[in-house]
Amino acid sequence: MFKTDNIRFASLTTERLQLRPLNESDQDAVFTLRSDKGVNQYLDRPACLIPEQALQFIHTIQQKIAMQESLYWAICLKDNNFLIGTICLFHFSAAMQMAEIGFELMPAYQGKGYMQEALEAILSLSFKCLKIHTISAVTHINNNPSITLLKKNDFKLIAGTAIKDNTVPENFIHFVLQNSPSNI
């Protein structure tokens, strides 16, 4: 397990966004996000069918944060506390100084640069504060906006990952970003 206690879990602020801890008041927005067919078409997870599943998900995330298994932020516009997306770090490996990143955004907010801002903030935190050396990301082979975002941020495609193996689901590809002076 990677110890995240060397930083205090807190909100982060970018030019237009606030990244804050997920809480129970996010239930409706999490339900909307996790039940959206457009968002879920590229994710390897079941859709939320009822709002109570969103609340259960929030509790699960809060437990994983408490157990230092992940860090998870609600993405909100700076002038509004309403969740428009999420971004997280998980699958920490202390031995290899690695973590995986995941993100999702409500369709109405896609294509406006919000995820770029959130990703930059989390990458900076990961490399500067958490001292992570490698960040991986797995995305669907047809999720062109995510692929473009990852490539824009210097993530490199790992060859041969578009096939079923033990770590990458079928039709998904694996990207990796190594920490370097240009990333911080």
C-alpha atoms as a PDB file:
ATOM      1  CA  MET A   1       0.000   0.000   0.000  1.00  0.00           C
ATOM      2  CA  PHE A   2       1.247   3.494  -0.854  1.00  0.00           C
ATOM      3  CA  LYS A   3       1.036   5.835   2.102  1.00  0.00           C
ATOM      4  CA  THR A   4      -0.814   9.006   1.206  1.00  0.00           C
ATOM      5  CA  ASP A   5      -0.492  10.409   4.707  1.00  0.00           C
ATOM      6  CA  ASN A   6       2.519  12.479   3.681  1.00  0.00           C
ATOM      7  CA  ILE A   7      -0.014  14.973   2.306  1.00  0.00           C
ATOM      8  CA  ARG A   8      -3.195  16.161   3.888  1.00  0.00           C
ATOM      9  CA  PHE A   9      -6.169  15.399   1.688  1.00  0.00           C
ATOM     10  CA  ALA A  10      -7.465  18.784   0.766  1.00  0.00           C
ATOM     11  CA  SER A  11      -9.151  20.772  -1.912  1.00  0.00           C
ATOM     12  CA  LEU A  12      -7.100  21.975  -4.861  1.00  0.00           C
ATOM     13  CA  THR A  13      -7.851  25.080  -6.877  1.00  0.00           C
ATOM     14  CA  THR A  14      -7.114  25.832 -10.527  1.00  0.00           C
ATOM     15  CA  GLU A  15      -7.970  28.873 -12.603  1.00  0.00           C
ATOM     16  CA  ARG A  16     -11.596  27.769 -13.098  1.00  0.00           C
ATOM     17  CA  LEU A  17     -12.037  24.739 -10.841  1.00  0.00           C
ATOM     18  CA  GLN A  18     -12.143  23.523  -7.297  1.00  0.00           C
ATOM     19  CA  LEU A  19     -11.197  19.896  -6.670  1.00  0.00           C
ATOM     20  CA  ARG A  20     -12.633  18.859  -3.329  1.00  0.00           C
ATOM     21  CA  PRO A  21     -13.380  15.675  -1.408  1.00  0.00           C
ATOM     22  CA  LEU A  22     -16.459  13.743  -2.457  1.00  0.00           C
ATOM     23  CA  ASN A  23     -19.311  13.911   0.064  1.00  0.00           C
ATOM     24  CA  GLU A  24     -22.858  12.659   0.547  1.00  0.00           C
ATOM     25  CA  SER A  25     -24.346  15.854  -0.862  1.00  0.00           C
ATOM     26  CA  ASP A  26     -22.894  14.763  -4.227  1.00  0.00           C
ATOM     27  CA  GLN A  27     -25.280  11.786  -4.412  1.00  0.00           C
ATOM     28  CA  ASP A  28     -27.533  13.195  -7.149  1.00  0.00           C
ATOM     29  CA  ALA A  29     -24.637  14.398  -9.307  1.00  0.00           C
ATOM     30  CA  VAL A  30     -22.750  11.111  -8.859  1.00  0.00           C
ATOM     31  CA  PHE A  31     -25.904   9.240  -9.821  1.00  0.00           C
ATOM     32  CA  THR A  32     -26.299  11.396 -12.946  1.00  0.00           C
ATOM     33  CA  LEU A  33     -22.657  10.913 -13.906  1.00  0.00           C
ATOM     34  CA  ARG A  34     -22.476   7.176 -13.224  1.00  0.00           C
ATOM     35  CA  SER A  35     -25.799   6.455 -14.952  1.00  0.00           C
ATOM     36  CA  ASP A  36     -25.024   8.479 -18.098  1.00  0.00           C
ATOM     37  CA  LYS A  37     -24.850   6.169 -21.138  1.00  0.00           C
ATOM     38  CA  GLY A  38     -22.422   8.467 -22.942  1.00  0.00           C
ATOM     39  CA  VAL A  39     -19.987   8.461 -20.026  1.00  0.00           C
ATOM     40  CA  ASN A  40     -20.377   4.751 -19.291  1.00  0.00           C
ATOM     41  CA  GLN A  41     -19.856   3.604 -22.878  1.00  0.00           C
ATOM     42  CA  TYR A  42     -16.096   3.934 -22.337  1.00  0.00           C
ATOM     43  CA  LEU A  43     -15.876   2.588 -18.795  1.00  0.00           C
ATOM     44  CA  ASP A  44     -15.620  -0.972 -17.556  1.00  0.00           C
ATOM     45  CA  ARG A  45     -18.268  -0.672 -14.828  1.00  0.00           C
ATOM     46  CA  PRO A  46     -21.982  -1.197 -14.333  1.00  0.00           C
ATOM     47  CA  ALA A  47     -24.168   1.894 -14.536  1.00  0.00           C
ATOM     48  CA  CYS A  48     -25.911   3.232 -11.446  1.00  0.00           C
ATOM     49  CA  LEU A  49     -29.553   2.244 -11.655  1.00  0.00           C
ATOM     50  CA  ILE A  50     -30.863   3.938  -8.508  1.00  0.00           C
ATOM     51  CA  PRO A  51     -29.623   6.936  -6.481  1.00  0.00           C
ATOM     52  CA  GLU A  52     -28.835   4.721  -3.482  1.00  0.00           C
ATOM     53  CA  GLN A  53     -26.074   3.080  -5.537  1.00  0.00           C
ATOM     54  CA  ALA A  54     -24.428   6.480  -5.907  1.00  0.00           C
ATOM     55  CA  LEU A  55     -24.525   6.968  -2.142  1.00  0.00           C
ATOM     56  CA  GLN A  56     -23.048   3.505  -1.624  1.00  0.00           C
ATOM     57  CA  PHE A  57     -20.299   4.396  -4.119  1.00  0.00           C
ATOM     58  CA  ILE A  58     -19.522   7.625  -2.201  1.00  0.00           C
ATOM     59  CA  HIS A  59     -19.219   5.640   1.044  1.00  0.00           C
ATOM     60  CA  THR A  60     -16.924   3.118  -0.656  1.00  0.00           C
ATOM     61  CA  ILE A  61     -14.681   5.926  -1.927  1.00  0.00           C
ATOM     62  CA  GLN A  62     -14.583   7.532   1.526  1.00  0.00           C
ATOM     63  CA  GLN A  63     -13.516   4.172   3.018  1.00  0.00           C
ATOM     64  CA  LYS A  64     -10.777   3.726   0.412  1.00  0.00           C
ATOM     65  CA  ILE A  65      -9.456   7.203   1.152  1.00  0.00           C
ATOM     66  CA  ALA A  66      -9.490   6.467   4.900  1.00  0.00           C
ATOM     67  CA  MET A  67      -7.585   3.230   4.230  1.00  0.00           C
ATOM     68  CA  GLN A  68      -5.117   5.170   2.020  1.00  0.00           C
ATOM     69  CA  GLU A  69      -6.000   3.087  -1.020  1.00  0.00           C
ATOM     70  CA  SER A  70      -7.022   6.027  -3.182  1.00  0.00           C
ATOM     71  CA  LEU A  71      -7.410   9.773  -3.464  1.00  0.00           C
ATOM     72  CA  TYR A  72     -10.592  11.009  -5.116  1.00  0.00           C
ATOM     73  CA  TRP A  73     -11.784  14.511  -5.938  1.00  0.00           C
ATOM     74  CA  ALA A  74     -15.078  16.001  -7.014  1.00  0.00           C
ATOM     75  CA  ILE A  75     -14.449  18.464  -9.842  1.00  0.00           C
ATOM     76  CA  CYS A  76     -16.509  21.629  -9.405  1.00  0.00           C
ATOM     77  CA  LEU A  77     -16.548  25.014 -11.083  1.00  0.00           C
ATOM     78  CA  LYS A  78     -14.812  27.532  -8.827  1.00  0.00           C
ATOM     79  CA  ASP A  79     -17.980  29.598  -8.281  1.00  0.00           C
ATOM     80  CA  ASN A  80     -20.233  26.574  -7.753  1.00  0.00           C
ATOM     81  CA  ASN A  81     -19.961  23.544  -5.457  1.00  0.00           C
ATOM     82  CA  PHE A  82     -21.860  21.281  -7.907  1.00  0.00           C
ATOM     83  CA  LEU A  83     -19.935  18.199  -9.043  1.00  0.00           C
ATOM     84  CA  ILE A  84     -19.312  18.209 -12.813  1.00  0.00           C
ATOM     85  CA  GLY A  85     -16.869  15.309 -12.815  1.00  0.00           C
ATOM     86  CA  THR A  86     -14.354  13.330 -10.791  1.00  0.00           C
ATOM     87  CA  ILE A  87     -10.651  12.558 -10.877  1.00  0.00           C
ATOM     88  CA  CYS A  88      -8.813  10.014  -8.774  1.00  0.00           C
ATOM     89  CA  LEU A  89      -5.549   8.263  -8.027  1.00  0.00           C
ATOM     90  CA  PHE A  90      -5.662   4.572  -7.101  1.00  0.00           C
ATOM     91  CA  HIS A  91      -3.745   1.287  -7.435  1.00  0.00           C
ATOM     92  CA  PHE A  92      -0.833   2.816  -5.550  1.00  0.00           C
ATOM     93  CA  SER A  93       2.422   0.872  -5.543  1.00  0.00           C
ATOM     94  CA  ALA A  94       4.972   2.101  -3.015  1.00  0.00           C
ATOM     95  CA  ALA A  95       7.670  -0.254  -4.293  1.00  0.00           C
ATOM     96  CA  MET A  96       7.409   1.056  -7.834  1.00  0.00           C
ATOM     97  CA  GLN A  97       6.315   4.624  -6.904  1.00  0.00           C
ATOM     98  CA  MET A  98       3.298   4.230  -9.177  1.00  0.00           C
ATOM     99  CA  ALA A  99      -0.387   5.065  -9.224  1.00  0.00           C
ATOM    100  CA  GLU A 100      -3.208   4.870 -11.737  1.00  0.00           C
ATOM    101  CA  ILE A 101      -5.317   7.890 -12.625  1.00  0.00           C
ATOM    102  CA  GLY A 102      -8.966   7.895 -13.626  1.00  0.00           C
ATOM    103  CA  PHE A 103     -11.352  10.672 -14.575  1.00  0.00           C
ATOM    104  CA  GLU A 104     -14.855  11.337 -15.866  1.00  0.00           C
ATOM    105  CA  LEU A 105     -16.800  14.455 -16.748  1.00  0.00           C
ATOM    106  CA  MET A 106     -20.471  15.239 -17.317  1.00  0.00           C
ATOM    107  CA  PRO A 107     -21.130  15.533 -21.075  1.00  0.00           C
ATOM    108  CA  ALA A 108     -22.268  19.178 -20.819  1.00  0.00           C
ATOM    109  CA  TYR A 109     -18.798  20.124 -19.536  1.00  0.00           C
ATOM    110  CA  GLN A 110     -16.700  18.074 -21.959  1.00  0.00           C
ATOM    111  CA  GLY A 111     -14.564  19.778 -24.587  1.00  0.00           C
ATOM    112  CA  LYS A 112     -14.115  22.970 -22.540  1.00  0.00           C
ATOM    113  CA  GLY A 113     -10.682  22.285 -21.049  1.00  0.00           C
ATOM    114  CA  TYR A 114     -11.937  21.475 -17.553  1.00  0.00           C
ATOM    115  CA  MET A 115     -10.404  18.009 -17.440  1.00  0.00           C
ATOM    116  CA  GLN A 116      -7.094  19.398 -18.701  1.00  0.00           C
ATOM    117  CA  GLU A 117      -7.051  21.790 -15.720  1.00  0.00           C
ATOM    118  CA  ALA A 118      -7.968  19.062 -13.258  1.00  0.00           C
ATOM    119  CA  LEU A 119      -5.415  16.649 -14.711  1.00  0.00           C
ATOM    120  CA  GLU A 120      -2.622  19.235 -14.534  1.00  0.00           C
ATOM    121  CA  ALA A 121      -3.394  19.852 -10.846  1.00  0.00           C
ATOM    122  CA  ILE A 122      -3.410  16.146  -9.978  1.00  0.00           C
ATOM    123  CA  LEU A 123      -0.243  15.412 -11.968  1.00  0.00           C
ATOM    124  CA  SER A 124       1.540  18.256 -10.173  1.00  0.00           C
ATOM    125  CA  LEU A 125       0.371  16.978  -6.780  1.00  0.00           C
ATOM    126  CA  SER A 126       1.378  13.433  -7.703  1.00  0.00           C
ATOM    127  CA  PHE A 127       4.896  14.286  -8.779  1.00  0.00           C
ATOM    128  CA  LYS A 128       5.717  17.112  -6.343  1.00  0.00           C
ATOM    129  CA  CYS A 129       3.969  16.079  -3.128  1.00  0.00           C
ATOM    130  CA  LEU A 130       3.323  12.354  -3.370  1.00  0.00           C
ATOM    131  CA  LYS A 131       6.682  11.713  -5.068  1.00  0.00           C
ATOM    132  CA  ILE A 132       5.071   9.320  -7.521  1.00  0.00           C
ATOM    133  CA  HIS A 133       7.382   8.432 -10.383  1.00  0.00           C
ATOM    134  CA  THR A 134       4.946   6.780 -12.805  1.00  0.00           C
ATOM    135  CA  ILE A 135       1.247   7.363 -13.447  1.00  0.00           C
ATOM    136  CA  SER A 136      -0.730   4.974 -15.597  1.00  0.00           C
ATOM    137  CA  ALA A 137      -4.111   5.381 -17.242  1.00  0.00           C
ATOM    138  CA  VAL A 138      -6.351   2.850 -18.938  1.00  0.00           C
ATOM    139  CA  THR A 139      -8.944   3.977 -21.456  1.00  0.00           C
ATOM    140  CA  HIS A 140     -11.196   2.467 -24.102  1.00  0.00           C
ATOM    141  CA  ILE A 141      -9.676   2.283 -27.581  1.00  0.00           C
ATOM    142  CA  ASN A 142     -12.571   4.371 -28.955  1.00  0.00           C
ATOM    143  CA  ASN A 143     -12.471   7.069 -26.264  1.00  0.00           C
ATOM    144  CA  ASN A 144     -10.754   9.627 -28.470  1.00  0.00           C
ATOM    145  CA  PRO A 145     -11.174  12.612 -26.109  1.00  0.00           C
ATOM    146  CA  SER A 146      -9.414  10.735 -23.277  1.00  0.00           C
ATOM    147  CA  ILE A 147      -6.708   9.440 -25.594  1.00  0.00           C
ATOM    148  CA  THR A 148      -6.124  12.986 -26.869  1.00  0.00           C
ATOM    149  CA  LEU A 149      -5.991  14.344 -23.302  1.00  0.00           C
ATOM    150  CA  LEU A 150      -3.500  11.701 -22.205  1.00  0.00           C
ATOM    151  CA  LYS A 151      -1.250  12.255 -25.224  1.00  0.00           C
ATOM    152  CA  LYS A 152      -1.418  16.044 -24.742  1.00  0.00           C
ATOM    153  CA  ASN A 153      -0.037  15.475 -21.246  1.00  0.00           C
ATOM    154  CA  ASP A 154       2.824  13.264 -22.511  1.00  0.00           C
ATOM    155  CA  PHE A 155       1.327   9.904 -21.544  1.00  0.00           C
ATOM    156  CA  LYS A 156       2.797   7.208 -23.777  1.00  0.00           C
ATOM    157  CA  LEU A 157       0.861   4.253 -25.160  1.00  0.00           C
ATOM    158  CA  ILE A 158       2.148   0.894 -23.981  1.00  0.00           C
ATOM    159  CA  ALA A 159       2.341  -1.315 -27.072  1.00  0.00           C
ATOM    160  CA  GLY A 160       0.150  -4.397 -27.240  1.00  0.00           C
ATOM    161  CA  THR A 161      -2.360  -3.425 -24.562  1.00  0.00           C
ATOM    162  CA  ALA A 162      -5.441  -3.404 -26.788  1.00  0.00           C
ATOM    163  CA  ILE A 163      -5.870  -7.130 -26.153  1.00  0.00           C
ATOM    164  CA  LYS A 164      -7.288  -8.949 -23.158  1.00  0.00           C
ATOM    165  CA  ASP A 165      -4.689  -9.627 -20.477  1.00  0.00           C
ATOM    166  CA  ASN A 166      -4.644  -9.719 -16.687  1.00  0.00           C
ATOM    167  CA  THR A 167      -4.437  -5.951 -16.198  1.00  0.00           C
ATOM    168  CA  VAL A 168      -6.193  -4.297 -19.133  1.00  0.00           C
ATOM    169  CA  PRO A 169      -9.789  -5.190 -20.080  1.00  0.00           C
ATOM    170  CA  GLU A 170     -10.597  -6.104 -23.672  1.00  0.00           C
ATOM    171  CA  ASN A 171     -10.802  -3.068 -25.991  1.00  0.00           C
ATOM    172  CA  PHE A 172      -8.882  -0.913 -23.541  1.00  0.00           C
ATOM    173  CA  ILE A 173      -5.409   0.537 -23.913  1.00  0.00           C
ATOM    174  CA  HIS A 174      -2.796   1.428 -21.334  1.00  0.00           C
ATOM    175  CA  PHE A 175      -0.865   4.718 -21.167  1.00  0.00           C
ATOM    176  CA  VAL A 176       2.025   5.642 -18.858  1.00  0.00           C
ATOM    177  CA  LEU A 177       3.538   8.980 -17.816  1.00  0.00           C
ATOM    178  CA  GLN A 178       6.987   9.046 -16.223  1.00  0.00           C
ATOM    179  CA  ASN A 179       7.944  11.914 -13.945  1.00  0.00           C
ATOM    180  CA  SER A 180      10.457  14.235 -15.544  1.00  0.00           C
ATOM    181  CA  PRO A 181      11.417  17.894 -15.100  1.00  0.00           C
ATOM    182  CA  SER A 182       9.046  18.867 -17.942  1.00  0.00           C
ATOM    183  CA  ASN A 183       6.077  17.353 -16.036  1.00  0.00           C
ATOM    184  CA  ILE A 184       6.406  19.494 -12.913  1.00  0.00           C
END
